[in-house]
Amino acid sequence: MSKSPAWSYSALTAFETCPHRYYQTKIAKAVIEPQTEATLWGSRVHKAFENRIKDGTPISKELAQYNPIADKLVAACAGKKFATEQKLALNEHFLATTFFAKDVWLRSILDLIIENKDKALVIDLKTGKKNPESAQLQLFAGVIFAIKPWIKTVSTAFLWLKTNEVTREEFTREDVPHIWQTFLPRVQRLNDAFAQQKFPKRPSGLCRAWCPIKTCEFNGGYRGEKVQARDGDDSDVVRMA
């Protein structure tokens, strides 16, 4: 394989964090990323909000602390066009396509989209620790502008549920070139990795306790085994078929 698969924000950041882990978990699928308490909790919270907003299903007692936020989101959707957990996809020409189409280039799942004439609001629920990185909000806006040509302004927000804080950014169509100029060099580096069939290890503070790749010497659970390159040498570079 030399052509890179469709990317998403999470896949792109996973590649940038450690190309080797990305390859082993996302491409070769030699290692399955284990579910953690945090990821399972996040899934339950997202499903509860989706059901509350879309169908009016009451929030469970386990998640009762989120009722005030859910009520505000329901009120914001009243009388407007909205969608929850919306799966959107673009091809390389920035045209809408289906999520699993042969020409799919970018995939994105948006927690909540609210439209009001030529304006759109995109809200992403975050159950983890607040992060100052907001590039994902730019990507949300870029996808909306590409798929919905009638939209002139996109307001985006992270809702940090742990602290009840909000990170906001607003974009207009004039921002579209800048949005893609931000991401295209990053995507090109991913494409280059596939073209060169090289996915080197990138040690970081996440290696010892948080990485599932036990065959990597930087992993805290490493016991001396090592992933071999396809050509049989001991290189740290993983080569693809």
C-alpha atoms as a PDB file:
ATOM      1  CA  MET A   1       0.000   0.000   0.000  1.00  0.00           C
ATOM      2  CA  SER A   2       1.393   3.414  -0.942  1.00  0.00           C
ATOM      3  CA  LYS A   3      -1.719   5.582  -1.172  1.00  0.00           C
ATOM      4  CA  SER A   4      -2.755   6.935   2.202  1.00  0.00           C
ATOM      5  CA  PRO A   5      -6.290   6.202   3.393  1.00  0.00           C
ATOM      6  CA  ALA A   6      -8.834   8.864   4.245  1.00  0.00           C
ATOM      7  CA  TRP A   7      -7.756  11.008   7.164  1.00  0.00           C
ATOM      8  CA  SER A   8      -9.598  12.536  10.076  1.00  0.00           C
ATOM      9  CA  TYR A   9      -8.461  14.987  12.710  1.00  0.00           C
ATOM     10  CA  SER A  10      -7.896  12.206  15.232  1.00  0.00           C
ATOM     11  CA  ALA A  11      -5.995  10.043  12.726  1.00  0.00           C
ATOM     12  CA  LEU A  12      -3.811  12.979  11.693  1.00  0.00           C
ATOM     13  CA  THR A  13      -2.898  13.863  15.272  1.00  0.00           C
ATOM     14  CA  ALA A  14      -2.264  10.178  16.049  1.00  0.00           C
ATOM     15  CA  PHE A  15       0.198  10.032  13.148  1.00  0.00           C
ATOM     16  CA  GLU A  16       1.923  13.206  14.295  1.00  0.00           C
ATOM     17  CA  THR A  17       2.221  11.929  17.876  1.00  0.00           C
ATOM     18  CA  CYS A  18       3.912   8.685  16.792  1.00  0.00           C
ATOM     19  CA  PRO A  19       3.938   7.375  13.194  1.00  0.00           C
ATOM     20  CA  HIS A  20       4.871   3.878  14.410  1.00  0.00           C
ATOM     21  CA  ARG A  21       1.922   3.603  16.796  1.00  0.00           C
ATOM     22  CA  TYR A  22      -0.381   5.030  14.106  1.00  0.00           C
ATOM     23  CA  TYR A  23       0.772   2.377  11.634  1.00  0.00           C
ATOM     24  CA  GLN A  24       0.477  -0.514  14.072  1.00  0.00           C
ATOM     25  CA  THR A  25      -2.998   0.448  15.321  1.00  0.00           C
ATOM     26  CA  LYS A  26      -4.645   2.148  12.320  1.00  0.00           C
ATOM     27  CA  ILE A  27      -3.100   0.543   9.237  1.00  0.00           C
ATOM     28  CA  ALA A  28      -1.540  -2.856  10.007  1.00  0.00           C
ATOM     29  CA  LYS A  29      -4.022  -3.259  12.874  1.00  0.00           C
ATOM     30  CA  ALA A  30      -1.520  -5.538  14.561  1.00  0.00           C
ATOM     31  CA  VAL A  31      -2.445  -3.957  17.895  1.00  0.00           C
ATOM     32  CA  ILE A  32      -5.912  -2.979  19.062  1.00  0.00           C
ATOM     33  CA  GLU A  33      -6.172   0.243  21.034  1.00  0.00           C
ATOM     34  CA  PRO A  34      -7.756  -0.822  24.339  1.00  0.00           C
ATOM     35  CA  GLN A  35     -10.851   0.909  25.612  1.00  0.00           C
ATOM     36  CA  THR A  36     -10.145   2.916  28.739  1.00  0.00           C
ATOM     37  CA  GLU A  37     -12.472   4.175  31.437  1.00  0.00           C
ATOM     38  CA  ALA A  38     -12.118   7.649  29.925  1.00  0.00           C
ATOM     39  CA  THR A  39     -13.061   6.551  26.396  1.00  0.00           C
ATOM     40  CA  LEU A  40     -15.974   4.443  27.627  1.00  0.00           C
ATOM     41  CA  TRP A  41     -17.210   7.374  29.721  1.00  0.00           C
ATOM     42  CA  GLY A  42     -16.907   9.696  26.731  1.00  0.00           C
ATOM     43  CA  SER A  43     -18.956   7.327  24.582  1.00  0.00           C
ATOM     44  CA  ARG A  44     -21.736   7.139  27.175  1.00  0.00           C
ATOM     45  CA  VAL A  45     -21.844  10.913  27.563  1.00  0.00           C
ATOM     46  CA  HIS A  46     -21.952  11.535  23.812  1.00  0.00           C
ATOM     47  CA  LYS A  47     -24.731   8.986  23.327  1.00  0.00           C
ATOM     48  CA  ALA A  48     -26.754  10.482  26.183  1.00  0.00           C
ATOM     49  CA  PHE A  49     -26.500  13.985  24.698  1.00  0.00           C
ATOM     50  CA  GLU A  50     -27.369  12.694  21.227  1.00  0.00           C
ATOM     51  CA  ASN A  51     -30.485  10.922  22.484  1.00  0.00           C
ATOM     52  CA  ARG A  52     -31.559  13.904  24.603  1.00  0.00           C
ATOM     53  CA  ILE A  53     -31.211  16.416  21.767  1.00  0.00           C
ATOM     54  CA  LYS A  54     -32.513  14.236  18.943  1.00  0.00           C
ATOM     55  CA  ASP A  55     -35.260  12.226  20.631  1.00  0.00           C
ATOM     56  CA  GLY A  56     -35.891  13.947  23.955  1.00  0.00           C
ATOM     57  CA  THR A  57     -34.674  10.905  25.898  1.00  0.00           C
ATOM     58  CA  PRO A  58     -34.051  11.950  29.521  1.00  0.00           C
ATOM     59  CA  ILE A  59     -30.480  12.028  30.757  1.00  0.00           C
ATOM     60  CA  SER A  60     -29.784   9.095  33.107  1.00  0.00           C
ATOM     61  CA  LYS A  61     -29.160   9.610  36.819  1.00  0.00           C
ATOM     62  CA  GLU A  62     -25.515   8.674  36.232  1.00  0.00           C
ATOM     63  CA  LEU A  63     -25.131  11.760  34.036  1.00  0.00           C
ATOM     64  CA  ALA A  64     -27.604  14.036  35.799  1.00  0.00           C
ATOM     65  CA  GLN A  65     -24.955  16.748  36.263  1.00  0.00           C
ATOM     66  CA  TYR A  66     -25.141  17.404  32.520  1.00  0.00           C
ATOM     67  CA  ASN A  67     -28.873  18.130  32.466  1.00  0.00           C
ATOM     68  CA  PRO A  68     -28.481  21.955  32.522  1.00  0.00           C
ATOM     69  CA  ILE A  69     -26.105  21.872  29.524  1.00  0.00           C
ATOM     70  CA  ALA A  70     -28.313  19.428  27.630  1.00  0.00           C
ATOM     71  CA  ASP A  71     -31.352  21.636  28.279  1.00  0.00           C
ATOM     72  CA  LYS A  72     -29.517  24.656  26.846  1.00  0.00           C
ATOM     73  CA  LEU A  73     -28.566  22.727  23.720  1.00  0.00           C
ATOM     74  CA  VAL A  74     -32.146  21.536  23.241  1.00  0.00           C
ATOM     75  CA  ALA A  75     -33.346  25.126  23.554  1.00  0.00           C
ATOM     76  CA  ALA A  76     -30.746  26.288  21.036  1.00  0.00           C
ATOM     77  CA  CYS A  77     -32.037  23.729  18.521  1.00  0.00           C
ATOM     78  CA  ALA A  78     -35.691  24.718  18.903  1.00  0.00           C
ATOM     79  CA  GLY A  79     -37.182  25.914  15.620  1.00  0.00           C
ATOM     80  CA  LYS A  80     -33.916  25.400  13.721  1.00  0.00           C
ATOM     81  CA  LYS A  81     -32.469  22.754  11.470  1.00  0.00           C
ATOM     82  CA  PHE A  82     -30.040  20.609  13.435  1.00  0.00           C
ATOM     83  CA  ALA A  83     -28.215  17.296  13.276  1.00  0.00           C
ATOM     84  CA  THR A  84     -26.395  15.204  15.893  1.00  0.00           C
ATOM     85  CA  GLU A  85     -23.369  12.955  15.364  1.00  0.00           C
ATOM     86  CA  GLN A  86     -23.309  13.995  11.716  1.00  0.00           C
ATOM     87  CA  LYS A  87     -20.886  12.002   9.530  1.00  0.00           C
ATOM     88  CA  LEU A  88     -19.494  14.272   6.820  1.00  0.00           C
ATOM     89  CA  ALA A  89     -16.877  13.511   4.176  1.00  0.00           C
ATOM     90  CA  LEU A  90     -14.966  15.298   1.421  1.00  0.00           C
ATOM     91  CA  ASN A  91     -12.965  14.114  -1.564  1.00  0.00           C
ATOM     92  CA  GLU A  92      -9.639  15.634  -2.611  1.00  0.00           C
ATOM     93  CA  HIS A  93     -11.478  18.332  -4.570  1.00  0.00           C
ATOM     94  CA  PHE A  94     -13.227  19.520  -1.394  1.00  0.00           C
ATOM     95  CA  LEU A  95     -16.545  18.179  -2.672  1.00  0.00           C
ATOM     96  CA  ALA A  96     -19.041  16.297  -0.541  1.00  0.00           C
ATOM     97  CA  THR A  97     -18.941  12.520  -0.781  1.00  0.00           C
ATOM     98  CA  THR A  98     -20.197   9.647   1.306  1.00  0.00           C
ATOM     99  CA  PHE A  99     -18.388   8.433   4.404  1.00  0.00           C
ATOM    100  CA  PHE A 100     -17.122   5.200   2.805  1.00  0.00           C
ATOM    101  CA  ALA A 101     -16.974   6.259  -0.840  1.00  0.00           C
ATOM    102  CA  LYS A 102     -14.006   5.163  -2.946  1.00  0.00           C
ATOM    103  CA  ASP A 103     -12.957   8.799  -3.384  1.00  0.00           C
ATOM    104  CA  VAL A 104     -13.253   9.779   0.290  1.00  0.00           C
ATOM    105  CA  TRP A 105     -10.320  11.937   1.418  1.00  0.00           C
ATOM    106  CA  LEU A 106     -11.429  13.429   4.734  1.00  0.00           C
ATOM    107  CA  ARG A 107     -13.893  12.136   7.307  1.00  0.00           C
ATOM    108  CA  SER A 108     -15.328  14.176  10.152  1.00  0.00           C
ATOM    109  CA  ILE A 109     -18.027  13.495  12.744  1.00  0.00           C
ATOM    110  CA  LEU A 110     -19.663  16.583  14.221  1.00  0.00           C
ATOM    111  CA  ASP A 111     -21.447  16.216  17.566  1.00  0.00           C
ATOM    112  CA  LEU A 112     -24.019  18.933  16.910  1.00  0.00           C
ATOM    113  CA  ILE A 113     -24.725  21.232  13.958  1.00  0.00           C
ATOM    114  CA  ILE A 114     -27.370  23.940  14.225  1.00  0.00           C
ATOM    115  CA  GLU A 115     -28.301  25.966  11.139  1.00  0.00           C
ATOM    116  CA  ASN A 116     -30.065  29.300  11.079  1.00  0.00           C
ATOM    117  CA  LYS A 117     -30.386  30.630   7.523  1.00  0.00           C
ATOM    118  CA  ASP A 118     -26.822  31.435   6.375  1.00  0.00           C
ATOM    119  CA  LYS A 119     -25.220  30.757   9.762  1.00  0.00           C
ATOM    120  CA  ALA A 120     -24.128  27.493  11.343  1.00  0.00           C
ATOM    121  CA  LEU A 121     -23.089  26.585  14.864  1.00  0.00           C
ATOM    122  CA  VAL A 122     -20.916  23.507  15.409  1.00  0.00           C
ATOM    123  CA  ILE A 123     -20.554  22.190  18.961  1.00  0.00           C
ATOM    124  CA  ASP A 124     -18.112  19.492  20.017  1.00  0.00           C
ATOM    125  CA  LEU A 125     -18.504  17.910  23.444  1.00  0.00           C
ATOM    126  CA  LYS A 126     -15.277  17.250  25.331  1.00  0.00           C
ATOM    127  CA  THR A 127     -15.216  14.966  28.361  1.00  0.00           C
ATOM    128  CA  GLY A 128     -11.460  15.126  28.946  1.00  0.00           C
ATOM    129  CA  LYS A 129      -9.028  17.711  30.227  1.00  0.00           C
ATOM    130  CA  LYS A 130      -9.186  21.152  28.614  1.00  0.00           C
ATOM    131  CA  ASN A 131      -6.661  21.532  25.804  1.00  0.00           C
ATOM    132  CA  PRO A 132      -5.605  24.908  24.341  1.00  0.00           C
ATOM    133  CA  GLU A 133      -5.262  23.344  20.866  1.00  0.00           C
ATOM    134  CA  SER A 134      -8.257  24.465  18.786  1.00  0.00           C
ATOM    135  CA  ALA A 135      -7.232  23.528  15.230  1.00  0.00           C
ATOM    136  CA  GLN A 136     -10.057  20.997  15.139  1.00  0.00           C
ATOM    137  CA  LEU A 137     -12.524  23.881  15.250  1.00  0.00           C
ATOM    138  CA  GLN A 138     -10.973  25.245  12.049  1.00  0.00           C
ATOM    139  CA  LEU A 139     -11.454  21.869  10.394  1.00  0.00           C
ATOM    140  CA  PHE A 140     -15.116  21.759  11.437  1.00  0.00           C
ATOM    141  CA  ALA A 141     -15.632  25.118   9.751  1.00  0.00           C
ATOM    142  CA  GLY A 142     -13.769  24.057   6.608  1.00  0.00           C
ATOM    143  CA  VAL A 143     -15.950  20.971   6.231  1.00  0.00           C
ATOM    144  CA  ILE A 144     -19.172  22.928   6.766  1.00  0.00           C
ATOM    145  CA  PHE A 145     -18.204  25.583   4.206  1.00  0.00           C
ATOM    146  CA  ALA A 146     -17.350  22.867   1.659  1.00  0.00           C
ATOM    147  CA  ILE A 147     -20.553  20.864   2.094  1.00  0.00           C
ATOM    148  CA  LYS A 148     -23.039  23.691   2.699  1.00  0.00           C
ATOM    149  CA  PRO A 149     -22.392  26.465   0.154  1.00  0.00           C
ATOM    150  CA  TRP A 150     -25.224  28.628   1.514  1.00  0.00           C
ATOM    151  CA  ILE A 151     -23.484  29.005   4.886  1.00  0.00           C
ATOM    152  CA  LYS A 152     -21.568  32.285   5.227  1.00  0.00           C
ATOM    153  CA  THR A 153     -20.542  32.151   8.887  1.00  0.00           C
ATOM    154  CA  VAL A 154     -19.619  29.185  11.079  1.00  0.00           C
ATOM    155  CA  SER A 155     -19.418  29.555  14.845  1.00  0.00           C
ATOM    156  CA  THR A 156     -17.614  26.670  16.528  1.00  0.00           C
ATOM    157  CA  ALA A 157     -17.260  25.650  20.153  1.00  0.00           C
ATOM    158  CA  PHE A 158     -15.734  23.032  22.394  1.00  0.00           C
ATOM    159  CA  LEU A 159     -17.866  22.393  25.483  1.00  0.00           C
ATOM    160  CA  TRP A 160     -15.532  21.211  28.242  1.00  0.00           C
ATOM    161  CA  LEU A 161     -17.946  19.255  30.390  1.00  0.00           C
ATOM    162  CA  LYS A 162     -15.576  18.685  33.310  1.00  0.00           C
ATOM    163  CA  THR A 163     -15.144  22.389  33.982  1.00  0.00           C
ATOM    164  CA  ASN A 164     -18.213  23.819  32.213  1.00  0.00           C
ATOM    165  CA  GLU A 165     -15.951  26.005  30.084  1.00  0.00           C
ATOM    166  CA  VAL A 166     -16.275  26.905  26.408  1.00  0.00           C
ATOM    167  CA  THR A 167     -13.665  27.476  23.700  1.00  0.00           C
ATOM    168  CA  ARG A 168     -15.135  29.485  20.815  1.00  0.00           C
ATOM    169  CA  GLU A 169     -13.954  30.435  17.342  1.00  0.00           C
ATOM    170  CA  GLU A 170     -15.867  32.027  14.487  1.00  0.00           C
ATOM    171  CA  PHE A 171     -15.098  31.746  10.788  1.00  0.00           C
ATOM    172  CA  THR A 172     -16.321  33.293   7.547  1.00  0.00           C
ATOM    173  CA  ARG A 173     -15.865  32.118   3.976  1.00  0.00           C
ATOM    174  CA  GLU A 174     -12.891  34.445   3.690  1.00  0.00           C
ATOM    175  CA  ASP A 175     -11.107  32.128   6.142  1.00  0.00           C
ATOM    176  CA  VAL A 176     -11.423  29.040   3.945  1.00  0.00           C
ATOM    177  CA  PRO A 177      -8.017  29.356   2.171  1.00  0.00           C
ATOM    178  CA  HIS A 178      -6.259  29.816   5.503  1.00  0.00           C
ATOM    179  CA  ILE A 179      -8.052  26.802   6.992  1.00  0.00           C
ATOM    180  CA  TRP A 180      -6.842  24.458   4.280  1.00  0.00           C
ATOM    181  CA  GLN A 181      -3.372  26.029   4.209  1.00  0.00           C
ATOM    182  CA  THR A 182      -3.168  25.055   7.873  1.00  0.00           C
ATOM    183  CA  PHE A 183      -4.011  21.402   7.255  1.00  0.00           C
ATOM    184  CA  LEU A 184      -2.667  20.546   3.806  1.00  0.00           C
ATOM    185  CA  PRO A 185       1.040  20.544   4.798  1.00  0.00           C
ATOM    186  CA  ARG A 186       0.204  18.255   7.706  1.00  0.00           C
ATOM    187  CA  VAL A 187      -1.750  15.905   5.447  1.00  0.00           C
ATOM    188  CA  GLN A 188       1.110  15.968   2.937  1.00  0.00           C
ATOM    189  CA  ARG A 189       3.489  14.658   5.607  1.00  0.00           C
ATOM    190  CA  LEU A 190       1.063  11.783   6.179  1.00  0.00           C
ATOM    191  CA  ASN A 191       0.938  11.132   2.422  1.00  0.00           C
ATOM    192  CA  ASP A 192       4.742  11.209   2.246  1.00  0.00           C
ATOM    193  CA  ALA A 193       4.949   8.556   4.970  1.00  0.00           C
ATOM    194  CA  PHE A 194       2.786   6.249   2.873  1.00  0.00           C
ATOM    195  CA  ALA A 195       4.652   7.029  -0.330  1.00  0.00           C
ATOM    196  CA  GLN A 196       8.015   6.299   1.347  1.00  0.00           C
ATOM    197  CA  GLN A 197       6.550   3.471   3.447  1.00  0.00           C
ATOM    198  CA  LYS A 198       8.232   4.836   6.549  1.00  0.00           C
ATOM    199  CA  PHE A 199       6.602   5.167   9.954  1.00  0.00           C
ATOM    200  CA  PRO A 200       9.365   5.772  12.520  1.00  0.00           C
ATOM    201  CA  LYS A 201       8.979   5.642  16.266  1.00  0.00           C
ATOM    202  CA  ARG A 202       8.637   8.996  18.012  1.00  0.00           C
ATOM    203  CA  PRO A 203       9.284   8.794  21.762  1.00  0.00           C
ATOM    204  CA  SER A 204       7.233  11.066  24.005  1.00  0.00           C
ATOM    205  CA  GLY A 205       5.866  11.280  27.508  1.00  0.00           C
ATOM    206  CA  LEU A 206       2.984   9.029  26.414  1.00  0.00           C
ATOM    207  CA  CYS A 207       5.205   6.032  25.632  1.00  0.00           C
ATOM    208  CA  ARG A 208       5.872   4.342  28.946  1.00  0.00           C
ATOM    209  CA  ALA A 209       2.407   4.229  30.458  1.00  0.00           C
ATOM    210  CA  TRP A 210      -0.078   4.976  27.693  1.00  0.00           C
ATOM    211  CA  CYS A 211       1.067   3.233  24.504  1.00  0.00           C
ATOM    212  CA  PRO A 212      -0.285  -0.261  23.646  1.00  0.00           C
ATOM    213  CA  ILE A 213       2.718  -1.155  21.426  1.00  0.00           C
ATOM    214  CA  LYS A 214       4.591  -3.476  23.814  1.00  0.00           C
ATOM    215  CA  THR A 215       7.105  -4.417  21.097  1.00  0.00           C
ATOM    216  CA  CYS A 216       8.551  -0.901  21.137  1.00  0.00           C
ATOM    217  CA  GLU A 217      11.577  -0.337  23.366  1.00  0.00           C
ATOM    218  CA  PHE A 218      10.194   3.019  24.516  1.00  0.00           C
ATOM    219  CA  ASN A 219       7.140   1.333  26.029  1.00  0.00           C
ATOM    220  CA  GLY A 220       7.117   0.770  29.772  1.00  0.00           C
ATOM    221  CA  GLY A 221       5.977  -2.818  29.176  1.00  0.00           C
ATOM    222  CA  TYR A 222       8.726  -3.623  26.669  1.00  0.00           C
ATOM    223  CA  ARG A 223      10.328  -7.018  27.327  1.00  0.00           C
ATOM    224  CA  GLY A 224      12.940  -7.226  24.577  1.00  0.00           C
ATOM    225  CA  GLU A 225      10.880  -8.193  21.514  1.00  0.00           C
ATOM    226  CA  LYS A 226      11.002  -5.867  18.562  1.00  0.00           C
ATOM    227  CA  VAL A 227       8.858  -5.338  15.483  1.00  0.00           C
ATOM    228  CA  GLN A 228      10.876  -6.337  12.411  1.00  0.00           C
ATOM    229  CA  ALA A 229      10.824  -4.340   9.203  1.00  0.00           C
ATOM    230  CA  ARG A 230       9.455  -6.168   6.157  1.00  0.00           C
ATOM    231  CA  ASP A 231      12.929  -6.628   4.698  1.00  0.00           C
ATOM    232  CA  GLY A 232      14.014  -8.480   7.870  1.00  0.00           C
ATOM    233  CA  ASP A 233      16.434  -5.972   9.389  1.00  0.00           C
ATOM    234  CA  ASP A 234      16.249  -4.447  12.864  1.00  0.00           C
ATOM    235  CA  SER A 235      15.342  -0.952  11.708  1.00  0.00           C
ATOM    236  CA  ASP A 236      12.887   1.073  13.744  1.00  0.00           C
ATOM    237  CA  VAL A 237      11.215   2.003  10.465  1.00  0.00           C
ATOM    238  CA  VAL A 238       8.076   0.047   9.681  1.00  0.00           C
ATOM    239  CA  ARG A 239       7.703  -0.733   6.005  1.00  0.00           C
ATOM    240  CA  MET A 240       4.331  -1.374   4.452  1.00  0.00           C
ATOM    241  CA  ALA A 241       3.367  -4.109   2.014  1.00  0.00           C
END
